[in-house]
Amino acid sequence: MKSSFTQQDADKIGKLLGAEKITFEKDHFRLKVTNQEERRILTLEVYPETSLGRKRGMLVVVYTGNSHLQLHNCSGYVLSEELGEVTFVAEDANRLSGLVVEKGASCSFYASIDRSLISSDFTQLGVEVMLSGVALSLAEEILGADKEQKG
């Protein structure tokens, strides 16, 4: 996949998250998000195209005070002004993974979710399963084999 993630994408995400700093460092964008009230700091790095073993793709990395998360082969992202978050998605034929970064310098990670879950009747699911379906359903508009990047 040839990524089309650009400075404009980083700026849109930074604005939505209220990033205090956005930089480009050789091969990736770095955004620093701080929540002074809750004493949280989150660093988001987006590598538009990097080596991921035998293939190349987009890598999204989140660092917090107590976690390090990576989403390999990111196929796109969706901004939600209303929720104050950005959802990065990786997909294959039957499964989705998503990394949700919030304006309050927090994040959630969902891995290997059955694709059909995002269009399910959420009222028929247990709360522990429903949350992942609801979170990744925001990305439904960008999912598809022929779509590389949308934001």
N, C-alpha and C. Protein backbone atom coordinates (compact mmCIF):
# COMPACT_ATOMS: atom_id res chain seq x y z
N MET A 1 0.85 -1.18 0.00
CA MET A 1 0.00 0.00 0.00
C MET A 1 0.89 1.24 0.00
N LYS A 2 0.65 2.11 -0.89
CA LYS A 2 1.33 3.40 -0.93
C LYS A 2 0.46 4.38 -0.16
N SER A 3 0.97 4.83 0.98
CA SER A 3 0.18 5.71 1.84
C SER A 3 0.12 7.11 1.27
N SER A 4 -0.98 7.76 1.56
CA SER A 4 -1.11 9.16 1.15
C SER A 4 -1.28 10.03 2.39
N PHE A 5 -0.82 9.56 3.54
CA PHE A 5 -0.89 10.34 4.77
C PHE A 5 0.11 11.48 4.67
N THR A 6 -0.37 12.71 4.85
CA THR A 6 0.45 13.89 4.61
C THR A 6 0.46 14.82 5.83
N GLN A 7 1.20 15.90 5.69
CA GLN A 7 1.22 16.93 6.74
C GLN A 7 -0.19 17.46 6.99
N GLN A 8 -0.98 17.57 5.93
CA GLN A 8 -2.36 18.04 6.07
C GLN A 8 -3.17 17.08 6.96
N ASP A 9 -2.97 15.78 6.79
CA ASP A 9 -3.65 14.80 7.65
C ASP A 9 -3.20 14.96 9.10
N ALA A 10 -1.90 15.09 9.31
CA ALA A 10 -1.36 15.27 10.67
C ALA A 10 -1.92 16.53 11.30
N ASP A 11 -2.04 17.59 10.52
CA ASP A 11 -2.58 18.85 11.05
C ASP A 11 -4.06 18.72 11.43
N LYS A 12 -4.85 18.02 10.59
CA LYS A 12 -6.27 17.81 10.90
C LYS A 12 -6.43 17.01 12.19
N ILE A 13 -5.64 15.96 12.33
CA ILE A 13 -5.70 15.13 13.53
C ILE A 13 -5.23 15.92 14.74
N GLY A 14 -4.14 16.67 14.57
CA GLY A 14 -3.62 17.49 15.66
C GLY A 14 -4.62 18.52 16.13
N LYS A 15 -5.32 19.14 15.21
CA LYS A 15 -6.33 20.14 15.58
C LYS A 15 -7.47 19.48 16.36
N LEU A 16 -7.95 18.34 15.87
CA LEU A 16 -9.05 17.65 16.53
C LEU A 16 -8.66 17.22 17.95
N LEU A 17 -7.44 16.70 18.11
CA LEU A 17 -7.00 16.19 19.41
C LEU A 17 -6.47 17.30 20.33
N GLY A 18 -6.32 18.50 19.79
CA GLY A 18 -5.76 19.59 20.59
C GLY A 18 -4.29 19.36 20.88
N ALA A 19 -3.57 18.79 19.91
CA ALA A 19 -2.15 18.50 20.10
C ALA A 19 -1.38 19.77 20.38
N GLU A 20 -0.51 19.71 21.36
CA GLU A 20 0.30 20.89 21.67
C GLU A 20 1.52 20.97 20.78
N LYS A 21 1.85 19.86 20.12
CA LYS A 21 3.02 19.86 19.26
C LYS A 21 2.83 18.83 18.15
N ILE A 22 3.16 19.23 16.91
CA ILE A 22 3.15 18.33 15.76
C ILE A 22 4.49 18.51 15.05
N THR A 23 5.22 17.42 14.88
CA THR A 23 6.50 17.50 14.19
C THR A 23 6.61 16.39 13.16
N PHE A 24 7.48 16.61 12.18
CA PHE A 24 7.83 15.56 11.24
C PHE A 24 9.27 15.21 11.51
N GLU A 25 9.53 13.94 11.78
CA GLU A 25 10.87 13.50 12.14
C GLU A 25 11.36 12.44 11.17
N LYS A 26 12.02 12.86 10.13
CA LYS A 26 12.64 12.00 9.12
C LYS A 26 11.64 11.12 8.36
N ASP A 27 10.96 10.21 9.04
CA ASP A 27 10.07 9.26 8.36
C ASP A 27 8.70 9.13 9.02
N HIS A 28 8.40 10.00 9.99
CA HIS A 28 7.10 9.90 10.67
C HIS A 28 6.67 11.24 11.27
N PHE A 29 5.37 11.32 11.48
CA PHE A 29 4.77 12.47 12.15
C PHE A 29 4.63 12.12 13.63
N ARG A 30 4.86 13.09 14.49
CA ARG A 30 4.71 12.90 15.93
C ARG A 30 3.82 14.00 16.49
N LEU A 31 2.81 13.59 17.23
CA LEU A 31 1.88 14.53 17.85
C LEU A 31 1.88 14.28 19.35
N LYS A 32 1.96 15.35 20.11
CA LYS A 32 1.93 15.24 21.57
C LYS A 32 0.61 15.82 22.07
N VAL A 33 -0.13 14.99 22.82
CA VAL A 33 -1.43 15.38 23.36
C VAL A 33 -1.34 15.31 24.87
N THR A 34 -1.73 16.40 25.53
CA THR A 34 -1.63 16.47 26.98
C THR A 34 -2.99 16.79 27.59
N ASN A 35 -3.29 16.13 28.69
CA ASN A 35 -4.49 16.41 29.48
C ASN A 35 -3.98 16.79 30.87
N GLN A 36 -3.80 18.08 31.10
CA GLN A 36 -3.25 18.57 32.37
C GLN A 36 -4.15 18.21 33.54
N GLU A 37 -5.44 18.33 33.34
CA GLU A 37 -6.40 18.08 34.40
C GLU A 37 -6.28 16.67 34.99
N GLU A 38 -6.12 15.69 34.10
CA GLU A 38 -6.02 14.30 34.54
C GLU A 38 -4.58 13.78 34.53
N ARG A 39 -3.65 14.69 34.28
CA ARG A 39 -2.21 14.38 34.29
C ARG A 39 -1.85 13.23 33.37
N ARG A 40 -2.32 13.33 32.11
CA ARG A 40 -2.03 12.32 31.10
C ARG A 40 -1.30 12.96 29.93
N ILE A 41 -0.34 12.23 29.41
CA ILE A 41 0.37 12.64 28.19
C ILE A 41 0.35 11.45 27.25
N LEU A 42 0.06 11.72 25.98
CA LEU A 42 0.02 10.69 24.96
C LEU A 42 0.82 11.18 23.77
N THR A 43 1.66 10.31 23.22
CA THR A 43 2.38 10.63 22.00
C THR A 43 1.89 9.71 20.90
N LEU A 44 1.48 10.30 19.80
CA LEU A 44 0.98 9.57 18.64
C LEU A 44 2.00 9.72 17.52
N GLU A 45 2.45 8.61 16.98
CA GLU A 45 3.35 8.64 15.83
C GLU A 45 2.71 7.92 14.66
N VAL A 46 2.80 8.54 13.48
CA VAL A 46 2.27 7.93 12.26
C VAL A 46 3.40 7.85 11.26
N TYR A 47 3.73 6.62 10.88
CA TYR A 47 4.72 6.34 9.85
C TYR A 47 3.94 6.09 8.57
N PRO A 48 3.89 7.05 7.64
CA PRO A 48 3.05 6.90 6.45
C PRO A 48 3.38 5.65 5.63
N GLU A 49 4.65 5.32 5.53
CA GLU A 49 5.05 4.11 4.82
C GLU A 49 6.38 3.64 5.39
N THR A 50 6.36 2.44 5.96
CA THR A 50 7.56 1.90 6.57
C THR A 50 7.60 0.40 6.34
N SER A 51 8.75 -0.19 6.54
CA SER A 51 8.91 -1.63 6.39
C SER A 51 8.22 -2.34 7.54
N LEU A 52 7.33 -3.26 7.20
CA LEU A 52 6.61 -4.06 8.19
C LEU A 52 6.88 -5.53 7.88
N GLY A 53 8.14 -5.92 8.00
CA GLY A 53 8.54 -7.27 7.59
C GLY A 53 8.82 -7.29 6.11
N ARG A 54 8.16 -8.20 5.41
CA ARG A 54 8.39 -8.32 3.97
C ARG A 54 7.58 -7.32 3.15
N LYS A 55 6.69 -6.60 3.80
CA LYS A 55 5.87 -5.62 3.09
C LYS A 55 6.05 -4.24 3.70
N ARG A 56 5.53 -3.26 3.00
CA ARG A 56 5.54 -1.89 3.49
C ARG A 56 4.10 -1.47 3.76
N GLY A 57 3.92 -0.58 4.71
CA GLY A 57 2.59 -0.09 5.01
C GLY A 57 2.65 1.03 6.03
N MET A 58 1.48 1.49 6.43
CA MET A 58 1.41 2.56 7.42
C MET A 58 1.39 1.95 8.81
N LEU A 59 2.16 2.56 9.70
CA LEU A 59 2.25 2.13 11.10
C LEU A 59 1.81 3.28 11.99
N VAL A 60 0.92 2.99 12.94
CA VAL A 60 0.46 3.99 13.91
C VAL A 60 0.89 3.49 15.28
N VAL A 61 1.57 4.37 16.03
CA VAL A 61 2.10 4.00 17.34
C VAL A 61 1.61 5.00 18.37
N VAL A 62 1.21 4.48 19.55
CA VAL A 62 0.80 5.34 20.66
C VAL A 62 1.66 4.99 21.87
N TYR A 63 2.22 6.02 22.47
CA TYR A 63 2.96 5.88 23.72
C TYR A 63 2.22 6.66 24.80
N THR A 64 2.03 6.03 25.95
CA THR A 64 1.51 6.73 27.12
C THR A 64 2.44 6.39 28.28
N GLY A 65 2.13 6.91 29.44
CA GLY A 65 2.96 6.63 30.61
C GLY A 65 3.05 5.16 30.96
N ASN A 66 2.04 4.39 30.55
CA ASN A 66 2.06 2.98 30.91
C ASN A 66 1.67 2.04 29.78
N SER A 67 1.76 2.50 28.54
CA SER A 67 1.44 1.59 27.44
C SER A 67 2.20 1.98 26.17
N HIS A 68 2.31 0.99 25.29
CA HIS A 68 2.91 1.17 23.98
C HIS A 68 2.07 0.32 23.03
N LEU A 69 1.34 0.97 22.13
CA LEU A 69 0.44 0.27 21.23
C LEU A 69 0.86 0.51 19.78
N GLN A 70 0.71 -0.51 18.94
CA GLN A 70 1.04 -0.39 17.52
C GLN A 70 -0.08 -0.97 16.68
N LEU A 71 -0.43 -0.26 15.62
CA LEU A 71 -1.38 -0.74 14.63
C LEU A 71 -0.63 -0.83 13.30
N HIS A 72 -0.37 -2.04 12.84
CA HIS A 72 0.34 -2.26 11.59
C HIS A 72 -0.63 -2.26 10.42
N ASN A 73 -0.14 -1.89 9.25
CA ASN A 73 -0.92 -1.90 8.02
C ASN A 73 -2.21 -1.09 8.12
N CYS A 74 -2.10 0.07 8.72
CA CYS A 74 -3.26 0.95 8.85
C CYS A 74 -3.76 1.32 7.46
N SER A 75 -5.06 1.15 7.25
CA SER A 75 -5.62 1.43 5.93
C SER A 75 -6.35 2.75 5.85
N GLY A 76 -6.54 3.40 7.00
CA GLY A 76 -7.21 4.70 6.98
C GLY A 76 -7.58 5.16 8.36
N TYR A 77 -8.21 6.32 8.41
CA TYR A 77 -8.63 6.88 9.69
C TYR A 77 -9.91 7.68 9.50
N VAL A 78 -10.61 7.86 10.61
CA VAL A 78 -11.84 8.65 10.61
C VAL A 78 -11.77 9.62 11.78
N LEU A 79 -12.08 10.88 11.51
CA LEU A 79 -12.14 11.90 12.55
C LEU A 79 -13.58 12.03 13.04
N SER A 80 -13.75 12.14 14.35
CA SER A 80 -15.07 12.41 14.91
C SER A 80 -14.97 13.66 15.76
N GLU A 81 -15.43 14.77 15.20
CA GLU A 81 -15.45 16.03 15.94
C GLU A 81 -16.35 15.90 17.17
N GLU A 82 -17.49 15.25 16.97
CA GLU A 82 -18.48 15.12 18.03
C GLU A 82 -17.92 14.36 19.25
N LEU A 83 -17.16 13.30 19.00
CA LEU A 83 -16.59 12.50 20.09
C LEU A 83 -15.20 12.97 20.50
N GLY A 84 -14.59 13.82 19.68
CA GLY A 84 -13.24 14.30 19.99
C GLY A 84 -12.21 13.20 19.90
N GLU A 85 -12.31 12.40 18.83
CA GLU A 85 -11.39 11.28 18.68
C GLU A 85 -11.11 10.97 17.23
N VAL A 86 -10.00 10.26 17.02
CA VAL A 86 -9.64 9.77 15.70
C VAL A 86 -9.51 8.25 15.82
N THR A 87 -10.10 7.54 14.84
CA THR A 87 -10.04 6.09 14.81
C THR A 87 -9.20 5.66 13.63
N PHE A 88 -8.10 4.96 13.90
CA PHE A 88 -7.24 4.38 12.87
C PHE A 88 -7.66 2.92 12.71
N VAL A 89 -7.73 2.44 11.47
CA VAL A 89 -8.22 1.08 11.21
C VAL A 89 -7.25 0.31 10.33
N ALA A 90 -7.11 -0.98 10.65
CA ALA A 90 -6.39 -1.93 9.80
C ALA A 90 -7.39 -3.03 9.48
N GLU A 91 -7.39 -3.49 8.24
CA GLU A 91 -8.39 -4.46 7.84
C GLU A 91 -7.80 -5.55 6.96
N ASP A 92 -8.41 -6.73 7.04
CA ASP A 92 -8.17 -7.77 6.05
C ASP A 92 -9.54 -8.31 5.66
N ALA A 93 -9.59 -9.43 4.98
CA ALA A 93 -10.85 -9.92 4.44
C ALA A 93 -11.94 -10.10 5.49
N ASN A 94 -11.60 -10.59 6.66
CA ASN A 94 -12.62 -10.93 7.65
C ASN A 94 -12.48 -10.23 8.99
N ARG A 95 -11.39 -9.53 9.22
CA ARG A 95 -11.11 -8.97 10.54
C ARG A 95 -10.71 -7.51 10.46
N LEU A 96 -11.02 -6.79 11.54
CA LEU A 96 -10.65 -5.38 11.68
C LEU A 96 -9.91 -5.21 12.99
N SER A 97 -9.00 -4.26 12.99
CA SER A 97 -8.38 -3.82 14.23
C SER A 97 -8.44 -2.30 14.22
N GLY A 98 -8.57 -1.72 15.38
CA GLY A 98 -8.69 -0.27 15.45
C GLY A 98 -8.01 0.31 16.66
N LEU A 99 -7.46 1.49 16.48
CA LEU A 99 -6.81 2.24 17.54
C LEU A 99 -7.51 3.59 17.61
N VAL A 100 -8.14 3.87 18.74
CA VAL A 100 -8.91 5.10 18.92
C VAL A 100 -8.13 6.01 19.86
N VAL A 101 -7.80 7.20 19.38
CA VAL A 101 -7.06 8.18 20.18
C VAL A 101 -8.00 9.33 20.48
N GLU A 102 -8.10 9.67 21.76
CA GLU A 102 -9.05 10.67 22.20
C GLU A 102 -8.38 11.98 22.59
N LYS A 103 -9.14 13.04 22.47
CA LYS A 103 -8.68 14.39 22.79
C LYS A 103 -8.15 14.50 24.22
N GLY A 104 -8.68 13.73 25.14
CA GLY A 104 -8.26 13.77 26.54
C GLY A 104 -6.98 13.01 26.82
N ALA A 105 -6.20 12.70 25.78
CA ALA A 105 -4.93 11.98 25.90
C ALA A 105 -5.13 10.57 26.42
N SER A 106 -6.20 9.92 25.93
CA SER A 106 -6.42 8.52 26.26
C SER A 106 -6.63 7.77 24.95
N CYS A 107 -6.60 6.45 25.03
CA CYS A 107 -6.77 5.66 23.82
C CYS A 107 -7.36 4.30 24.15
N SER A 108 -7.90 3.67 23.11
CA SER A 108 -8.46 2.31 23.20
C SER A 108 -7.96 1.55 21.98
N PHE A 109 -7.79 0.24 22.17
CA PHE A 109 -7.31 -0.61 21.09
C PHE A 109 -8.22 -1.82 20.96
N TYR A 110 -8.63 -2.13 19.74
CA TYR A 110 -9.49 -3.27 19.47
C TYR A 110 -8.80 -4.09 18.38
N ALA A 111 -8.61 -5.40 18.63
CA ALA A 111 -7.85 -6.22 17.69
C ALA A 111 -8.65 -7.42 17.20
N SER A 112 -8.49 -7.70 15.92
CA SER A 112 -9.04 -8.90 15.30
C SER A 112 -10.55 -9.05 15.50
N ILE A 113 -11.28 -7.98 15.25
CA ILE A 113 -12.73 -7.96 15.40
C ILE A 113 -13.36 -8.52 14.12
N ASP A 114 -14.34 -9.37 14.26
CA ASP A 114 -15.07 -9.90 13.11
C ASP A 114 -15.72 -8.72 12.39
N ARG A 115 -15.50 -8.60 11.10
CA ARG A 115 -16.03 -7.47 10.31
C ARG A 115 -17.53 -7.31 10.44
N SER A 116 -18.25 -8.42 10.52
CA SER A 116 -19.71 -8.35 10.58
C SER A 116 -20.20 -7.70 11.86
N LEU A 117 -19.37 -7.64 12.87
CA LEU A 117 -19.76 -7.07 14.16
C LEU A 117 -20.15 -5.60 14.05
N ILE A 118 -19.48 -4.85 13.16
CA ILE A 118 -19.73 -3.40 13.09
C ILE A 118 -21.08 -3.05 12.46
N SER A 119 -21.70 -4.02 11.81
CA SER A 119 -23.03 -3.75 11.25
C SER A 119 -24.09 -4.62 11.93
N SER A 120 -23.75 -5.14 13.11
CA SER A 120 -24.68 -5.99 13.87
C SER A 120 -25.69 -5.14 14.62
N ASP A 121 -26.71 -5.80 15.12
CA ASP A 121 -27.66 -5.18 16.03
C ASP A 121 -27.00 -5.17 17.41
N PHE A 122 -26.50 -4.02 17.81
CA PHE A 122 -25.73 -3.92 19.05
C PHE A 122 -26.54 -4.29 20.28
N THR A 123 -27.87 -4.16 20.20
CA THR A 123 -28.70 -4.51 21.35
C THR A 123 -28.70 -6.01 21.63
N GLN A 124 -28.25 -6.79 20.67
CA GLN A 124 -28.21 -8.25 20.82
C GLN A 124 -26.85 -8.74 21.33
N LEU A 125 -25.93 -7.83 21.59
CA LEU A 125 -24.58 -8.20 22.01
C LEU A 125 -24.35 -7.87 23.47
N GLY A 126 -23.46 -8.61 24.10
CA GLY A 126 -23.06 -8.28 25.45
C GLY A 126 -22.27 -6.98 25.45
N VAL A 127 -22.30 -6.28 26.55
CA VAL A 127 -21.61 -4.98 26.66
C VAL A 127 -20.14 -5.10 26.31
N GLU A 128 -19.50 -6.18 26.76
CA GLU A 128 -18.07 -6.36 26.52
C GLU A 128 -17.73 -6.51 25.03
N VAL A 129 -18.68 -6.98 24.23
CA VAL A 129 -18.48 -7.12 22.78
C VAL A 129 -19.02 -5.90 22.05
N MET A 130 -20.10 -5.36 22.52
CA MET A 130 -20.76 -4.23 21.89
C MET A 130 -19.82 -3.02 21.75
N LEU A 131 -19.02 -2.75 22.76
CA LEU A 131 -18.15 -1.58 22.75
C LEU A 131 -17.22 -1.56 21.55
N SER A 132 -16.62 -2.70 21.23
CA SER A 132 -15.71 -2.74 20.08
C SER A 132 -16.46 -2.53 18.78
N GLY A 133 -17.66 -3.11 18.66
CA GLY A 133 -18.45 -2.92 17.45
C GLY A 133 -18.86 -1.48 17.24
N VAL A 134 -19.30 -0.83 18.30
CA VAL A 134 -19.69 0.57 18.22
C VAL A 134 -18.48 1.44 17.86
N ALA A 135 -17.36 1.20 18.53
CA ALA A 135 -16.16 2.02 18.29
C ALA A 135 -15.69 1.92 16.85
N LEU A 136 -15.66 0.72 16.31
CA LEU A 136 -15.15 0.56 14.94
C LEU A 136 -16.21 0.82 13.88
N SER A 137 -17.48 0.88 14.25
CA SER A 137 -18.52 1.17 13.27
C SER A 137 -18.35 2.57 12.68
N LEU A 138 -17.69 3.47 13.41
CA LEU A 138 -17.43 4.81 12.88
C LEU A 138 -16.57 4.75 11.63
N ALA A 139 -15.77 3.70 11.50
CA ALA A 139 -14.86 3.59 10.35
C ALA A 139 -15.49 2.87 9.17
N GLU A 140 -16.73 2.46 9.30
CA GLU A 140 -17.39 1.69 8.23
C GLU A 140 -17.33 2.41 6.88
N GLU A 141 -17.41 3.73 6.90
CA GLU A 141 -17.41 4.50 5.65
C GLU A 141 -16.10 4.42 4.86
N ILE A 142 -15.00 4.08 5.51
CA ILE A 142 -13.72 4.02 4.80
C ILE A 142 -13.27 2.60 4.49
N LEU A 143 -14.01 1.62 4.96
CA LEU A 143 -13.60 0.23 4.76
C LEU A 143 -13.87 -0.21 3.33
N GLY A 144 -12.97 -1.00 2.81
CA GLY A 144 -13.14 -1.52 1.46
C GLY A 144 -11.79 -1.81 0.84
N ALA A 145 -11.73 -2.82 0.04
CA ALA A 145 -10.48 -3.29 -0.55
C ALA A 145 -9.81 -2.25 -1.45
N ASP A 146 -10.60 -1.39 -2.09
CA ASP A 146 -10.02 -0.45 -3.04
C ASP A 146 -9.74 0.93 -2.43
N LYS A 147 -10.02 1.12 -1.15
CA LYS A 147 -9.81 2.41 -0.53
C LYS A 147 -8.52 2.38 0.27
N GLU A 148 -7.58 3.24 -0.04
CA GLU A 148 -6.30 3.27 0.68
C GLU A 148 -6.32 4.20 1.86
N GLN A 149 -6.80 5.41 1.70
CA GLN A 149 -6.71 6.40 2.78
C GLN A 149 -7.82 7.42 2.62
N LYS A 150 -8.46 7.72 3.72
CA LYS A 150 -9.48 8.75 3.69
C LYS A 150 -9.49 9.41 5.06
N GLY A 151 -9.66 10.69 5.12
CA GLY A 151 -9.70 11.33 6.41
C GLY A 151 -10.31 12.68 6.35
